């Protein structure tokens, strides 16, 4: 999967996600490997934005390779397990990263 395809997939998931219980959340996602890239997911006033840029004032940054991130958003990889075994790295608030993973399921 190409980075642009992943971004489109995440935007589709975000359109259907329930952000009614989230006032603000900003997570930068760093995809590593062959088709690497950076994007952010922001929840502000219960609206979700997904943009292909870095986010400086984020709650956390999540770093994964493309394959594992796809498994995560498809529900085939538990975020806690991924974090524990080193497939998911979090820079910042780990609780916000967990909130982010639940939002995109």
C-alpha atoms as a PDB file:
ATOM      1  CA  UNK A   1       0.000   0.000   0.000  1.00  0.00           C
ATOM      2  CA  UNK A   2       1.245   3.466  -0.852  1.00  0.00           C
ATOM      3  CA  UNK A   3       1.247   6.273   1.719  1.00  0.00           C
ATOM      4  CA  UNK A   4      -1.450   8.206  -0.179  1.00  0.00           C
ATOM      5  CA  UNK A   5      -3.707   5.127  -0.114  1.00  0.00           C
ATOM      6  CA  UNK A   6      -3.213   4.826   3.635  1.00  0.00           C
ATOM      7  CA  UNK A   7      -4.104   8.478   4.107  1.00  0.00           C
ATOM      8  CA  UNK A   8      -7.312   7.964   2.101  1.00  0.00           C
ATOM      9  CA  UNK A   9      -8.141   4.897   4.186  1.00  0.00           C
ATOM     10  CA  UNK A  10      -7.619   6.761   7.474  1.00  0.00           C
ATOM     11  CA  UNK A  11      -9.754   9.659   6.234  1.00  0.00           C
ATOM     12  CA  UNK A  12     -12.557   7.196   5.434  1.00  0.00           C
ATOM     13  CA  UNK A  13     -12.333   5.666   8.892  1.00  0.00           C
ATOM     14  CA  UNK A  14     -12.287   9.142  10.462  1.00  0.00           C
ATOM     15  CA  UNK A  15     -15.493  10.137   8.643  1.00  0.00           C
ATOM     16  CA  UNK A  16     -17.333   7.275  10.347  1.00  0.00           C
ATOM     17  CA  UNK A  17     -15.643   7.564  13.742  1.00  0.00           C
ATOM     18  CA  UNK A  18     -17.565   8.742  16.778  1.00  0.00           C
ATOM     19  CA  UNK A  19     -15.757  11.741  18.239  1.00  0.00           C
ATOM     20  CA  UNK A  20     -18.681  12.915  20.361  1.00  0.00           C
ATOM     21  CA  UNK A  21     -16.823  12.157  23.605  1.00  0.00           C
ATOM     22  CA  UNK A  22     -13.561  13.790  22.516  1.00  0.00           C
ATOM     23  CA  UNK A  23     -13.074  17.551  22.822  1.00  0.00           C
ATOM     24  CA  UNK A  24      -9.462  17.682  21.664  1.00  0.00           C
ATOM     25  CA  UNK A  25      -6.922  15.109  20.523  1.00  0.00           C
ATOM     26  CA  UNK A  26      -3.915  15.635  18.254  1.00  0.00           C
ATOM     27  CA  UNK A  27      -1.836  12.656  17.193  1.00  0.00           C
ATOM     28  CA  UNK A  28       0.949  12.653  14.650  1.00  0.00           C
ATOM     29  CA  UNK A  29       1.449   9.329  12.872  1.00  0.00           C
ATOM     30  CA  UNK A  30       4.908   8.506  11.543  1.00  0.00           C
ATOM     31  CA  UNK A  31       4.894   5.646   9.045  1.00  0.00           C
ATOM     32  CA  UNK A  32       8.310   4.061   8.589  1.00  0.00           C
ATOM     33  CA  UNK A  33       9.685   1.784   5.912  1.00  0.00           C
ATOM     34  CA  UNK A  34       9.515   1.776   2.128  1.00  0.00           C
ATOM     35  CA  UNK A  35       6.322   3.850   1.807  1.00  0.00           C
ATOM     36  CA  UNK A  36       7.001   6.163   4.711  1.00  0.00           C
ATOM     37  CA  UNK A  37       5.233   9.409   5.491  1.00  0.00           C
ATOM     38  CA  UNK A  38       3.781  11.622   8.211  1.00  0.00           C
ATOM     39  CA  UNK A  39       0.209  12.683   8.874  1.00  0.00           C
ATOM     40  CA  UNK A  40      -1.835  13.860  11.790  1.00  0.00           C
ATOM     41  CA  UNK A  41      -5.281  13.176  13.135  1.00  0.00           C
ATOM     42  CA  UNK A  42      -6.874  16.010  15.074  1.00  0.00           C
ATOM     43  CA  UNK A  43     -10.160  15.983  16.938  1.00  0.00           C
ATOM     44  CA  UNK A  44     -11.297  19.501  17.723  1.00  0.00           C
ATOM     45  CA  UNK A  45     -14.818  20.371  18.832  1.00  0.00           C
ATOM     46  CA  UNK A  46     -15.875  16.777  18.049  1.00  0.00           C
ATOM     47  CA  UNK A  47     -14.755  17.076  14.382  1.00  0.00           C
ATOM     48  CA  UNK A  48     -11.953  14.903  12.980  1.00  0.00           C
ATOM     49  CA  UNK A  49      -9.323  16.165  10.525  1.00  0.00           C
ATOM     50  CA  UNK A  50      -6.674  14.034   8.843  1.00  0.00           C
ATOM     51  CA  UNK A  51      -3.887  15.945   7.088  1.00  0.00           C
ATOM     52  CA  UNK A  52      -0.494  14.947   5.612  1.00  0.00           C
ATOM     53  CA  UNK A  53       1.614  17.249   7.776  1.00  0.00           C
ATOM     54  CA  UNK A  54       3.550  17.211  11.022  1.00  0.00           C
ATOM     55  CA  UNK A  55       1.712  18.519  14.083  1.00  0.00           C
ATOM     56  CA  UNK A  56       3.950  20.436  16.476  1.00  0.00           C
ATOM     57  CA  UNK A  57       1.529  20.905  19.404  1.00  0.00           C
ATOM     58  CA  UNK A  58       0.404  17.282  19.470  1.00  0.00           C
ATOM     59  CA  UNK A  59      -0.567  15.137  22.441  1.00  0.00           C
ATOM     60  CA  UNK A  60       1.658  12.361  21.144  1.00  0.00           C
ATOM     61  CA  UNK A  61       3.378  10.915  18.103  1.00  0.00           C
ATOM     62  CA  UNK A  62       2.875   7.292  17.072  1.00  0.00           C
ATOM     63  CA  UNK A  63       5.501   5.518  14.979  1.00  0.00           C
ATOM     64  CA  UNK A  64       4.828   2.239  13.153  1.00  0.00           C
ATOM     65  CA  UNK A  65       5.594   0.594   9.853  1.00  0.00           C
ATOM     66  CA  UNK A  66       2.899   0.511   7.163  1.00  0.00           C
ATOM     67  CA  UNK A  67       1.982  -3.162   7.606  1.00  0.00           C
ATOM     68  CA  UNK A  68       1.542  -2.956  11.368  1.00  0.00           C
ATOM     69  CA  UNK A  69      -0.407   0.318  11.199  1.00  0.00           C
ATOM     70  CA  UNK A  70      -2.809  -1.260   8.710  1.00  0.00           C
ATOM     71  CA  UNK A  71      -3.271  -4.226  11.050  1.00  0.00           C
ATOM     72  CA  UNK A  72      -3.914  -1.801  13.913  1.00  0.00           C
ATOM     73  CA  UNK A  73      -6.644   0.168  12.119  1.00  0.00           C
ATOM     74  CA  UNK A  74      -8.168  -3.035  10.716  1.00  0.00           C
ATOM     75  CA  UNK A  75      -8.505  -4.388  14.269  1.00  0.00           C
ATOM     76  CA  UNK A  76      -6.034  -7.234  13.667  1.00  0.00           C
ATOM     77  CA  UNK A  77      -3.360  -5.869  16.007  1.00  0.00           C
ATOM     78  CA  UNK A  78      -4.099  -4.832  19.571  1.00  0.00           C
ATOM     79  CA  UNK A  79      -2.453  -1.475  20.363  1.00  0.00           C
ATOM     80  CA  UNK A  80      -1.371  -2.567  23.849  1.00  0.00           C
ATOM     81  CA  UNK A  81       0.277  -5.708  22.461  1.00  0.00           C
ATOM     82  CA  UNK A  82       1.900  -3.714  19.653  1.00  0.00           C
ATOM     83  CA  UNK A  83       3.310  -1.239  22.183  1.00  0.00           C
ATOM     84  CA  UNK A  84       4.504  -4.011  24.502  1.00  0.00           C
ATOM     85  CA  UNK A  85       6.382  -5.908  21.774  1.00  0.00           C
ATOM     86  CA  UNK A  86       7.874  -2.773  20.238  1.00  0.00           C
ATOM     87  CA  UNK A  87       5.847  -2.574  17.011  1.00  0.00           C
ATOM     88  CA  UNK A  88       4.273   0.678  18.179  1.00  0.00           C
ATOM     89  CA  UNK A  89       6.363   3.509  19.576  1.00  0.00           C
ATOM     90  CA  UNK A  90       4.774   6.466  21.338  1.00  0.00           C
ATOM     91  CA  UNK A  91       6.412   9.805  21.975  1.00  0.00           C
ATOM     92  CA  UNK A  92       4.257  11.731  24.438  1.00  0.00           C
ATOM     93  CA  UNK A  93       1.028  10.821  26.217  1.00  0.00           C
ATOM     94  CA  UNK A  94       0.497   7.045  25.940  1.00  0.00           C
ATOM     95  CA  UNK A  95      -3.089   7.424  27.174  1.00  0.00           C
ATOM     96  CA  UNK A  96      -3.858   9.731  24.238  1.00  0.00           C
ATOM     97  CA  UNK A  97      -2.324   7.191  21.865  1.00  0.00           C
ATOM     98  CA  UNK A  98      -4.681   4.551  23.248  1.00  0.00           C
ATOM     99  CA  UNK A  99      -7.631   6.954  22.895  1.00  0.00           C
ATOM    100  CA  UNK A 100      -6.544   7.514  19.278  1.00  0.00           C
ATOM    101  CA  UNK A 101      -6.448   3.778  18.514  1.00  0.00           C
ATOM    102  CA  UNK A 102      -9.961   3.329  19.914  1.00  0.00           C
ATOM    103  CA  UNK A 103     -11.200   6.252  17.814  1.00  0.00           C
ATOM    104  CA  UNK A 104      -9.999   4.657  14.575  1.00  0.00           C
ATOM    105  CA  UNK A 105     -11.380   1.180  15.217  1.00  0.00           C
END
